[in-house]
Amino acid sequence: VDVSTYRVEAGTVGRSTRVTVSASWPTVATVYAAASGVVTSIPQQPGVGATAGDMILTIDLEPVILAIGKVPMFRTLRPEVQGADVAQFQRLLIGLGYLTGQPSGTFDATTVAATQRWQRSTGATITGSVPAGALVFVDDLPARVVVDVAVGARVAEGQALAHVVADCPRFIATGTASRAAAFCAIATASSRSRITASAPKVNAFSTRRA
């Protein structure tokens, strides 16, 4: 019986092709102004992660602060006001160390005192109440936030101030028809073939001047 012997070596057999790839970060949320005024500063620097308690800009010299929450800021938070928006603000104060315990959803005397300490630290006017334009709630933080207005711009209530984009970019490959065909051929050459595109998680704060 003839026996043939073959040497088997591990390796990779495949093809490669060049394509142009662009990356974009889809918008997942838009931040709207809850009060009108003039943008007086954008203190955050591009490339810095934005998280709860960060000041994204100031309007009429008053800070606008990021916080986590699903209920948008629609009213002034003042003593005896109750609701989910109050609880969201209390979670911010607890996370920043100005308030202890659990959110009650009621703007009580303890919350007033904590608010005054928080306002002193941010440079806001110390009133013990939180104007509608002082907070912007987004679903999740940290996140990449892009500011859509410039210093000196006059903004109106309800105007878009910034937008939150996805952590990871979306990749789009472009090329000629022949390259597209080659790309598809590589992808389907084997039932085990897998083509993936990935990027590290991005937590960056950037500004886009109008």
Protein backbone atom coordinates (compact mmCIF):
# COMPACT_ATOMS: atom_id res chain seq x y z
CA VAL A 1 0.00 0.00 0.00
CA ASP A 2 1.45 3.34 -1.04
CA VAL A 3 1.46 5.84 1.77
CA SER A 4 1.93 9.54 1.10
CA THR A 5 3.14 11.78 3.87
CA TYR A 6 2.28 15.48 4.09
CA ARG A 7 3.58 18.15 6.41
CA VAL A 8 0.78 20.28 7.93
CA GLU A 9 1.61 23.77 9.14
CA ALA A 10 -0.67 26.28 10.82
CA GLY A 11 -1.08 29.49 8.90
CA THR A 12 -3.44 31.90 7.23
CA VAL A 13 -4.42 31.91 3.61
CA GLY A 14 -6.32 34.92 2.41
CA ARG A 15 -6.50 38.03 0.30
CA SER A 16 -6.31 41.69 1.11
CA THR A 17 -7.68 44.79 -0.53
CA ARG A 18 -7.44 48.49 0.28
CA VAL A 19 -10.56 50.51 1.00
CA THR A 20 -11.15 54.02 2.29
CA VAL A 21 -12.84 53.99 5.67
CA SER A 22 -14.45 56.96 7.39
CA ALA A 23 -15.60 57.06 10.99
CA SER A 24 -18.52 59.02 12.41
CA TRP A 25 -20.09 59.15 15.84
CA PRO A 26 -23.90 58.88 15.66
CA THR A 27 -25.90 61.32 17.78
CA VAL A 28 -27.73 59.54 20.59
CA ALA A 29 -29.19 62.58 22.36
CA THR A 30 -29.53 66.33 21.95
CA VAL A 31 -29.14 68.84 24.78
CA TYR A 32 -31.58 71.76 24.61
CA ALA A 33 -31.48 75.11 26.37
CA ALA A 34 -34.10 75.42 29.11
CA ALA A 35 -33.59 79.20 29.28
CA SER A 36 -32.52 81.98 26.94
CA GLY A 37 -29.34 84.06 27.21
CA VAL A 38 -25.85 84.63 25.85
CA VAL A 39 -23.14 81.96 25.91
CA THR A 40 -20.40 83.52 28.04
CA SER A 41 -17.89 80.64 28.21
CA ILE A 42 -17.23 77.02 27.25
CA PRO A 43 -14.90 75.89 30.04
CA GLN A 44 -14.48 72.25 29.03
CA GLN A 45 -11.49 71.51 26.85
CA PRO A 46 -11.71 69.27 23.77
CA GLY A 47 -10.65 65.69 24.48
CA VAL A 48 -11.72 65.70 28.14
CA GLY A 49 -14.39 63.21 29.22
CA ALA A 50 -17.72 64.72 30.21
CA THR A 51 -19.37 63.24 33.29
CA ALA A 52 -22.04 64.07 35.86
CA GLY A 53 -21.35 67.42 37.51
CA ASP A 54 -19.28 68.80 34.64
CA MET A 55 -19.96 72.33 33.42
CA ILE A 56 -20.44 72.29 29.65
CA LEU A 57 -20.84 76.06 29.25
CA THR A 58 -22.11 79.19 30.96
CA ILE A 59 -25.06 81.31 29.88
CA ASP A 60 -25.18 84.87 31.23
CA LEU A 61 -22.25 83.81 33.46
CA GLU A 62 -24.35 81.08 35.08
CA PRO A 63 -23.06 77.49 34.74
CA VAL A 64 -24.94 74.80 32.84
CA ILE A 65 -24.21 71.44 34.48
CA LEU A 66 -24.51 67.89 33.14
CA ALA A 67 -26.43 65.29 35.16
CA ILE A 68 -27.88 61.83 34.60
CA GLY A 69 -31.64 61.51 34.19
CA LYS A 70 -34.43 60.72 31.77
CA VAL A 71 -36.72 63.62 32.76
CA PRO A 72 -35.63 66.87 31.10
CA MET A 73 -35.20 70.02 33.14
CA PHE A 74 -38.53 71.81 32.65
CA ARG A 75 -38.96 73.96 35.76
CA THR A 76 -37.16 75.66 38.61
CA LEU A 77 -36.37 73.25 41.44
CA ARG A 78 -37.27 75.05 44.64
CA PRO A 79 -38.30 74.21 48.22
CA GLU A 80 -41.23 71.78 48.56
CA VAL A 81 -41.23 70.87 44.84
CA GLN A 82 -41.62 67.13 44.31
CA GLY A 83 -41.01 64.80 41.39
CA ALA A 84 -38.64 62.59 39.42
CA ASP A 85 -36.61 65.61 38.32
CA VAL A 86 -35.94 66.48 41.97
CA ALA A 87 -34.79 62.90 42.61
CA GLN A 88 -32.43 63.12 39.63
CA PHE A 89 -30.90 66.30 41.01
CA GLN A 90 -30.58 64.74 44.46
CA ARG A 91 -28.68 61.80 42.93
CA LEU A 92 -26.28 64.32 41.43
CA LEU A 93 -25.77 65.99 44.82
CA ILE A 94 -25.24 62.60 46.47
CA GLY A 95 -22.75 61.54 43.81
CA LEU A 96 -20.80 64.77 44.25
CA GLY A 97 -20.78 64.49 48.04
CA TYR A 98 -23.08 67.42 48.86
CA LEU A 99 -25.98 65.28 50.08
CA THR A 100 -26.21 61.98 51.96
CA GLY A 101 -28.82 59.25 52.09
CA GLN A 102 -31.25 58.28 49.33
CA PRO A 103 -33.13 60.56 46.91
CA SER A 104 -36.54 61.42 48.34
CA GLY A 105 -37.92 63.31 45.36
CA THR A 106 -38.83 66.22 47.63
CA PHE A 107 -36.85 69.48 47.63
CA ASP A 108 -36.61 69.69 51.41
CA ALA A 109 -34.47 71.82 53.73
CA THR A 110 -31.56 69.37 53.54
CA THR A 111 -31.63 69.58 49.75
CA VAL A 112 -31.70 73.38 49.91
CA ALA A 113 -28.55 73.43 52.08
CA ALA A 114 -26.81 70.93 49.77
CA THR A 115 -27.84 73.00 46.74
CA GLN A 116 -26.27 76.11 48.23
CA ARG A 117 -22.99 74.28 48.83
CA TRP A 118 -23.07 72.93 45.26
CA GLN A 119 -23.83 76.39 43.82
CA ARG A 120 -20.94 77.90 45.76
CA SER A 121 -18.55 75.32 44.29
CA THR A 122 -19.71 75.87 40.70
CA GLY A 123 -19.68 79.66 40.86
CA ALA A 124 -23.44 79.91 40.40
CA THR A 125 -25.58 82.49 42.16
CA ILE A 126 -26.32 81.03 45.60
CA THR A 127 -30.10 80.86 45.96
CA GLY A 128 -30.86 77.35 47.21
CA SER A 129 -33.07 76.86 44.15
CA VAL A 130 -32.06 75.54 40.72
CA PRO A 131 -33.26 77.53 37.67
CA ALA A 132 -34.49 75.53 34.70
CA GLY A 133 -31.48 76.47 32.62
CA ALA A 134 -28.87 75.41 35.18
CA LEU A 135 -29.05 71.65 34.56
CA VAL A 136 -29.21 69.40 31.51
CA PHE A 137 -30.12 65.75 32.03
CA VAL A 138 -28.87 63.00 29.72
CA ASP A 139 -29.53 59.27 29.90
CA ASP A 140 -25.99 58.11 30.56
CA LEU A 141 -22.61 59.53 31.53
CA PRO A 142 -19.67 59.70 30.98
CA ALA A 143 -20.13 60.46 27.30
CA ARG A 144 -18.72 62.38 24.39
CA VAL A 145 -20.51 65.73 24.18
CA VAL A 146 -20.19 68.12 21.25
CA VAL A 147 -21.12 71.75 21.94
CA ASP A 148 -22.96 73.30 18.98
CA VAL A 149 -22.80 76.97 19.96
CA ALA A 150 -19.98 79.49 20.30
CA VAL A 151 -19.09 82.02 22.98
CA GLY A 152 -21.10 85.18 22.34
CA ALA A 153 -23.98 83.38 20.67
CA ARG A 154 -27.46 84.24 21.86
CA VAL A 155 -29.51 81.14 22.52
CA ALA A 156 -33.25 80.83 22.86
CA GLU A 157 -35.23 78.53 25.12
CA GLY A 158 -35.56 75.19 23.37
CA GLN A 159 -32.54 75.72 21.11
CA ALA A 160 -30.04 72.87 20.73
CA LEU A 161 -26.92 73.58 22.79
CA ALA A 162 -25.00 70.35 22.30
CA HIS A 163 -25.40 66.73 21.32
CA VAL A 164 -24.26 63.49 22.87
CA VAL A 165 -22.69 60.99 20.50
CA ALA A 166 -22.19 57.24 20.74
CA ASP A 167 -19.15 55.86 22.55
CA CYS A 168 -17.93 53.92 19.51
CA PRO A 169 -17.82 55.24 15.95
CA ARG A 170 -19.65 53.87 12.92
CA PHE A 171 -17.29 52.84 10.12
CA ILE A 172 -18.21 53.30 6.47
CA ALA A 173 -15.97 51.77 3.76
CA THR A 174 -16.00 53.29 0.29
CA GLY A 175 -14.28 52.24 -2.91
CA THR A 176 -14.69 51.18 -6.52
CA ALA A 177 -17.03 48.43 -7.66
CA SER A 178 -14.12 46.07 -8.22
CA ARG A 179 -12.79 46.67 -4.71
CA ALA A 180 -16.26 46.18 -3.29
CA ALA A 181 -16.48 42.85 -5.11
CA ALA A 182 -13.06 41.83 -3.77
CA PHE A 183 -14.10 42.84 -0.27
CA CYS A 184 -17.24 40.69 -0.52
CA ALA A 185 -15.20 37.79 -1.90
CA ILE A 186 -12.90 37.94 1.12
CA ALA A 187 -15.86 38.02 3.46
CA THR A 188 -17.51 34.98 1.89
CA ALA A 189 -14.42 32.94 1.01
CA SER A 190 -14.95 30.64 3.96
CA SER A 191 -17.82 29.83 6.26
CA ARG A 192 -15.42 30.65 9.07
CA SER A 193 -14.42 34.04 7.68
CA ARG A 194 -15.22 36.99 9.86
CA ILE A 195 -14.49 40.63 9.10
CA THR A 196 -14.84 42.98 12.01
CA ALA A 197 -14.10 46.63 12.66
CA SER A 198 -13.73 47.87 16.17
CA ALA A 199 -12.41 50.83 18.08
CA PRO A 200 -11.67 51.57 21.73
CA LYS A 201 -14.38 53.20 23.76
CA VAL A 202 -14.28 56.96 23.33
CA ASN A 203 -15.12 59.27 26.20
CA ALA A 204 -14.11 62.63 24.83
CA PHE A 205 -15.53 66.08 25.18
CA SER A 206 -15.21 68.32 22.14
CA THR A 207 -16.58 71.63 20.96
CA ARG A 208 -17.70 72.66 17.53
CA ARG A 209 -17.69 76.38 17.05
CA ALA A 210 -20.60 77.85 15.13
